[in-house]
Protein backbone atom coordinates (compact mmCIF):
# COMPACT_ATOMS: atom_id res chain seq x y z
CA MET A 1 -53.00 19.50 -45.23
CA LYS A 2 -55.44 19.32 -42.32
CA ALA A 3 -55.15 15.54 -42.10
CA THR A 4 -51.36 15.74 -42.26
CA PHE A 5 -51.27 18.36 -39.48
CA LEU A 6 -53.50 16.26 -37.24
CA SER A 7 -51.36 13.19 -37.89
CA VAL A 8 -48.19 15.06 -36.98
CA LEU A 9 -49.87 16.51 -33.89
CA ALA A 10 -51.02 13.07 -32.78
CA ALA A 11 -47.55 11.64 -33.35
CA GLY A 12 -46.04 14.48 -31.34
CA ILE A 13 -48.41 13.89 -28.44
CA PHE A 14 -47.61 10.16 -28.54
CA LEU A 15 -43.86 10.81 -28.45
CA PHE A 16 -44.29 13.32 -25.63
CA ASN A 17 -46.26 10.83 -23.56
CA CYS A 18 -43.67 8.09 -24.20
CA THR A 19 -40.86 10.44 -23.23
CA ALA A 20 -42.71 11.55 -20.10
CA GLN A 21 -43.37 7.95 -19.13
CA THR A 22 -39.72 7.06 -19.71
CA LYS A 23 -38.56 9.99 -17.59
CA LYS A 24 -41.04 9.03 -14.91
CA SER A 25 -39.75 5.45 -14.98
CA ASP A 26 -36.12 6.58 -14.94
CA SER A 27 -36.80 8.87 -11.98
CA ASN A 28 -37.69 5.83 -9.90
CA ILE A 29 -34.29 4.26 -10.44
CA PRO A 30 -31.55 5.24 -7.96
CA LYS A 31 -28.39 6.73 -9.38
CA PRO A 32 -25.25 4.65 -8.85
CA ILE A 33 -22.90 5.67 -6.07
CA GLN A 34 -19.34 5.34 -7.34
CA LEU A 35 -17.53 3.82 -4.37
CA PHE A 36 -14.34 3.93 -6.44
CA ASN A 37 -13.98 7.39 -7.96
CA GLY A 38 -11.16 6.47 -10.35
CA LYS A 39 -8.77 8.88 -8.62
CA ASP A 40 -7.95 7.80 -5.07
CA ILE A 41 -9.00 5.74 -2.06
CA LYS A 42 -9.70 8.62 0.32
CA ASN A 43 -13.14 7.19 1.14
CA TRP A 44 -11.68 3.79 1.98
CA THR A 45 -9.85 2.35 4.99
CA PRO A 46 -7.23 -0.41 4.62
CA LYS A 47 -6.86 -3.15 7.21
CA ILE A 48 -3.98 -5.54 6.56
CA ARG A 49 -3.14 -8.36 8.94
CA LEU A 50 -0.15 -7.64 11.22
CA HIS A 51 -0.69 -3.90 10.72
CA GLU A 52 -2.95 -1.33 12.34
CA THR A 53 -6.22 -0.21 10.81
CA GLY A 54 -5.53 2.56 8.31
CA ASP A 55 -1.98 1.44 7.48
CA ASN A 56 -1.80 0.73 3.73
CA TYR A 57 1.26 -1.44 4.18
CA ALA A 58 3.69 -1.39 1.22
CA ASN A 59 1.19 0.60 -0.81
CA THR A 60 -0.82 -2.59 -1.31
CA TYR A 61 -3.88 -0.67 -2.48
CA ARG A 62 -3.13 2.03 -5.04
CA VAL A 63 -4.78 3.92 -7.90
CA GLU A 64 -2.95 3.99 -11.23
CA ASP A 65 -4.27 4.62 -14.75
CA GLY A 66 -7.79 5.03 -13.38
CA LEU A 67 -7.73 1.55 -11.83
CA LEU A 68 -7.77 0.49 -8.19
CA LYS A 69 -4.89 -1.96 -8.08
CA VAL A 70 -3.77 -4.53 -5.51
CA ARG A 71 0.00 -5.04 -5.75
CA TYR A 72 2.74 -6.74 -3.72
CA ASP A 73 5.98 -5.29 -5.09
CA GLY A 74 6.74 -3.97 -1.60
CA TYR A 75 6.50 -7.43 0.04
CA ASP A 76 9.49 -9.69 0.64
CA ASP A 77 7.10 -12.51 1.55
CA PHE A 78 3.32 -12.50 1.83
CA ASN A 79 3.42 -14.04 5.32
CA GLN A 80 -0.39 -14.35 5.54
CA GLN A 81 -0.77 -10.58 5.50
CA TYR A 82 -4.34 -10.78 4.26
CA GLY A 83 -5.63 -7.35 3.36
CA HIS A 84 -9.06 -5.77 3.19
CA LEU A 85 -10.01 -2.31 1.97
CA ALA A 86 -13.25 -1.07 3.56
CA TYR A 87 -15.51 1.59 2.11
CA ASN A 88 -16.19 4.05 4.91
CA THR A 89 -20.00 4.01 4.70
CA PRO A 90 -22.00 0.94 5.78
CA TYR A 91 -24.99 -0.19 3.69
CA SER A 92 -27.95 -2.49 4.19
CA TYR A 93 -30.16 -2.80 1.07
CA TYR A 94 -28.22 -2.43 -2.18
CA LEU A 95 -27.00 -3.74 -5.49
CA LEU A 96 -23.20 -3.82 -5.68
CA ARG A 97 -21.49 -4.00 -9.06
CA VAL A 98 -17.77 -4.80 -9.26
CA GLU A 99 -15.63 -5.08 -12.39
CA TYR A 100 -12.37 -6.92 -11.76
CA ARG A 101 -9.57 -8.82 -13.46
CA PHE A 102 -6.66 -10.90 -12.19
CA VAL A 103 -3.22 -10.02 -13.53
CA GLY A 104 0.43 -10.98 -13.11
CA GLU A 105 1.93 -13.53 -10.78
CA GLN A 106 1.16 -14.42 -7.19
CA VAL A 107 3.53 -12.97 -4.60
CA LYS A 108 6.07 -15.21 -2.87
CA GLY A 109 4.58 -16.88 0.19
CA GLY A 110 0.98 -16.84 -1.04
CA GLU A 111 -0.93 -20.06 -0.37
CA GLY A 112 -1.89 -22.29 -3.28
CA TRP A 113 -5.60 -21.77 -2.67
CA ALA A 114 -5.07 -18.00 -2.92
CA TRP A 115 -3.84 -18.11 -6.54
CA ARG A 116 -6.14 -15.79 -8.53
CA ASN A 117 -8.29 -15.45 -5.45
CA SER A 118 -9.89 -12.29 -4.05
CA GLY A 119 -13.36 -11.14 -3.09
CA ALA A 120 -15.88 -8.55 -2.03
CA MET A 121 -16.80 -8.75 1.65
CA LEU A 122 -20.45 -7.89 2.39
CA HIS A 123 -22.03 -6.89 5.71
CA GLY A 124 -18.53 -6.63 7.18
CA GLN A 125 -17.67 -5.42 10.66
CA ASP A 126 -16.41 -1.86 11.16
CA PRO A 127 -12.68 -1.86 10.24
CA LYS A 128 -11.99 0.15 13.39
CA THR A 129 -13.08 -2.87 15.44
CA MET A 130 -10.60 -5.27 13.81
CA LEU A 131 -7.58 -6.21 15.88
CA ARG A 132 -4.03 -5.89 14.55
CA ASP A 133 -3.50 -9.62 13.95
CA GLN A 134 -7.05 -10.43 12.80
CA ASP A 135 -6.96 -12.23 9.45
CA PHE A 136 -10.41 -11.48 7.98
CA PRO A 137 -13.28 -9.17 8.87
CA ILE A 138 -16.35 -10.91 10.23
CA SER A 139 -18.41 -10.76 7.05
CA ILE A 140 -20.04 -12.52 4.12
CA GLU A 141 -17.58 -13.00 1.25
CA GLY A 142 -18.47 -12.95 -2.42
CA GLN A 143 -15.37 -14.85 -3.52
CA PHE A 144 -13.64 -14.05 -6.83
CA LEU A 145 -11.65 -16.84 -8.49
CA GLY A 146 -9.84 -16.90 -11.84
CA GLY A 147 -9.35 -19.91 -14.08
CA ASN A 148 -6.02 -21.48 -15.07
CA GLY A 149 -6.89 -21.80 -18.75
CA THR A 150 -7.89 -25.45 -18.53
CA ASP A 151 -9.83 -26.52 -15.46
CA ALA A 152 -13.28 -25.47 -14.28
CA ARG A 153 -13.22 -22.98 -11.40
CA THR A 154 -16.35 -21.08 -10.48
CA THR A 155 -16.40 -17.49 -9.25
CA SER A 156 -18.83 -15.41 -7.17
CA ASN A 157 -18.73 -18.20 -4.62
CA LEU A 158 -19.63 -17.83 -0.94
CA CYS A 159 -17.22 -17.93 2.01
CA THR A 160 -18.15 -17.16 5.59
CA PRO A 161 -15.44 -15.79 7.92
CA GLY A 162 -17.13 -15.69 11.31
CA THR A 163 -20.58 -16.05 9.78
CA ASN A 164 -23.27 -18.51 8.69
CA VAL A 165 -26.16 -18.30 6.23
CA VAL A 166 -29.34 -20.20 5.44
CA LEU A 167 -28.88 -22.11 2.19
CA ASN A 168 -31.65 -24.27 0.70
CA GLN A 169 -33.72 -23.51 3.83
CA GLU A 170 -31.10 -24.99 6.16
CA LEU A 171 -28.41 -23.36 8.29
CA PHE A 172 -25.17 -23.62 6.32
CA THR A 173 -22.06 -23.83 8.51
CA PRO A 174 -19.20 -24.96 6.16
CA HIS A 175 -16.77 -22.19 5.25
CA CYS A 176 -17.31 -22.03 1.46
CA THR A 177 -19.65 -23.21 -1.25
CA SER A 178 -19.40 -22.86 -5.00
CA SER A 179 -21.72 -20.97 -7.28
CA THR A 180 -23.05 -22.29 -10.59
CA SER A 181 -20.99 -19.83 -12.65
CA LYS A 182 -18.85 -20.59 -15.66
CA THR A 183 -15.06 -20.25 -15.43
CA TYR A 184 -13.41 -16.96 -16.39
CA HIS A 185 -9.90 -17.70 -17.64
CA GLY A 186 -7.00 -15.33 -18.21
CA ASP A 187 -6.93 -11.61 -17.54
CA GLN A 188 -10.43 -10.84 -18.83
CA TRP A 189 -12.64 -8.33 -17.07
CA VAL A 190 -15.51 -9.85 -15.08
CA THR A 191 -18.59 -8.01 -13.83
CA ALA A 192 -19.90 -9.44 -10.56
CA GLU A 193 -23.12 -8.17 -9.00
CA PHE A 194 -24.42 -8.76 -5.50
CA LEU A 195 -28.00 -8.05 -4.53
CA VAL A 196 -28.08 -7.59 -0.76
CA LEU A 197 -31.43 -7.12 1.00
CA GLY A 198 -30.60 -6.53 4.65
CA ASP A 199 -30.81 -9.67 6.76
CA SER A 200 -33.09 -11.47 4.29
CA ILE A 201 -31.83 -12.41 0.81
CA ILE A 202 -28.42 -12.17 -0.87
CA ARG A 203 -27.95 -13.09 -4.53
CA HIS A 204 -24.72 -13.44 -6.52
CA ILE A 205 -25.27 -12.49 -10.16
CA LEU A 206 -23.07 -12.91 -13.26
CA ASP A 207 -24.05 -12.04 -16.83
CA GLY A 208 -27.62 -11.45 -15.67
CA ASN A 209 -27.93 -14.90 -14.08
CA VAL A 210 -28.27 -15.68 -10.39
CA VAL A 211 -25.44 -18.12 -9.68
CA LEU A 212 -25.94 -18.36 -5.92
CA GLU A 213 -28.68 -17.35 -3.47
CA TYR A 214 -28.97 -17.64 0.30
CA ALA A 215 -30.71 -15.95 3.22
CA LYS A 216 -30.43 -14.79 6.82
CA PRO A 217 -26.73 -13.85 6.98
CA GLN A 218 -25.66 -14.04 10.61
CA ILE A 219 -22.67 -14.06 12.89
CA GLY A 220 -21.46 -17.53 13.83
CA GLY A 221 -19.04 -20.32 13.09
CA GLY A 222 -15.27 -20.10 12.75
CA ASN A 223 -12.78 -19.35 9.97
CA VAL A 224 -11.69 -16.05 11.49
CA GLU A 225 -8.80 -15.63 13.94
CA ASN A 226 -7.50 -13.12 16.49
CA PHE A 227 -10.73 -11.13 16.66
CA ASP A 228 -12.25 -9.20 19.53
CA PRO A 229 -14.85 -11.57 21.08
CA LYS A 230 -17.17 -8.61 21.66
CA GLN A 231 -17.50 -8.29 17.88
CA LYS A 232 -18.78 -11.84 17.46
CA PRO A 233 -22.17 -12.38 19.13
CA ASP A 234 -23.02 -15.68 17.43
CA GLY A 235 -26.56 -15.94 16.08
CA LYS A 236 -27.02 -12.20 15.50
CA LEU A 237 -28.53 -11.49 12.08
CA LEU A 238 -26.49 -9.15 9.88
CA GLU A 239 -28.75 -6.39 8.63
CA GLN A 240 -26.01 -4.06 7.40
CA GLY A 241 -22.27 -3.63 7.31
CA TYR A 242 -19.18 -2.48 5.47
CA ILE A 243 -18.05 -3.49 1.97
CA TYR A 244 -14.42 -4.61 1.62
CA LEU A 245 -12.17 -5.53 -1.30
CA GLN A 246 -9.62 -8.25 -0.59
CA SER A 247 -5.89 -8.67 -1.09
CA GLU A 248 -5.01 -12.34 -0.65
CA SER A 249 -1.61 -12.53 -2.44
CA HIS A 250 -2.56 -12.35 -6.14
CA PRO A 251 -2.55 -9.01 -8.02
CA ILE A 252 -5.99 -7.82 -9.09
CA ASP A 253 -7.42 -4.70 -10.73
CA PHE A 254 -10.78 -3.07 -10.11
CA ARG A 255 -12.08 -0.59 -12.66
CA LYS A 256 -15.59 -0.14 -11.25
CA VAL A 257 -17.06 -0.46 -7.78
CA GLU A 258 -20.52 1.05 -7.78
CA LEU A 259 -23.56 0.68 -5.57
CA TYR A 260 -27.28 1.31 -5.97
CA ASP A 261 -28.80 2.13 -2.60
CA LEU A 262 -32.14 0.29 -2.33
CA SER A 263 -32.95 1.26 1.25
CA PRO A 264 -35.58 3.88 0.21
CA TYR A 265 -37.67 1.07 -1.32
CA LYS A 266 -37.46 -1.63 1.34
CA LYS A 267 -40.87 -0.84 2.88
CA ASP A 268 -42.65 -1.20 -0.48
CA LYS A 269 -42.08 -4.73 -1.78
CA ASN A 270 -43.63 -4.10 -5.19
CA GLN A 271 -41.60 -0.97 -5.78
CA LEU A 272 -38.44 -2.72 -4.60
CA GLU A 273 -39.03 -5.59 -7.02
CA ASN A 274 -39.67 -3.18 -9.90
CA VAL A 275 -36.48 -1.24 -9.21
CA ILE A 276 -34.45 -4.44 -9.03
CA LYS A 277 -35.89 -5.57 -12.38
CA GLU A 278 -34.89 -2.26 -13.95
CA LEU A 279 -31.36 -2.49 -12.58
CA LEU A 280 -30.81 -6.08 -13.63
């Protein structure tokens, strides 16, 4: 009986220590901030080309059935009315996780390249500083593309409206570059993650794999029109900014948009790396 009691006691102490260590480890991991609350877009600001900031033209962005939907049933013709929905809080160091799927048919007037095309804009300018006829926010775009059922078409690509990055240790000035992702065909849900570390590193991640990595996001280059020149000081590194979700003429659903704020760890490299490992 004595030996059995001691064995049980030892096992209990071991389990307690494991539980305590797990709780201690868990306490170091930031809780996700649900940018999309599943109910409304009160914490977001729409900016659609040819319309003023805050005007959700034709109810483009809406919440139905717990999903944030992009729809065009109120459009007669798309007419290059590119839309962007900005979360109202800017961030600098974070992990962004977005679950999306393309659905339905492209609206009349949408360009061919915009078929099953959307994206998450990172380090974007304040939506209040965008002009009425501006097409895209000055930002770094994590581009979402859907497959046609046959051909290869990568997603989580990079596009750079009004920006440049350093890719493979060289300044990269073309507008877009492809990731190494597989193709996601049909209406399947896709989980895209973006690790953004201020003005240093940005990684695009799918299924736990880094499919694209670059550094030193900065203002520069072209591929943005009708902007306020004061908002485009070329060469300025982008340390933080607003997160946008695009509407580029193809219907898309978002069921999760969550963010892990990593800014409390940026001064401790080891802690930052450990937290990132836990999250990914």
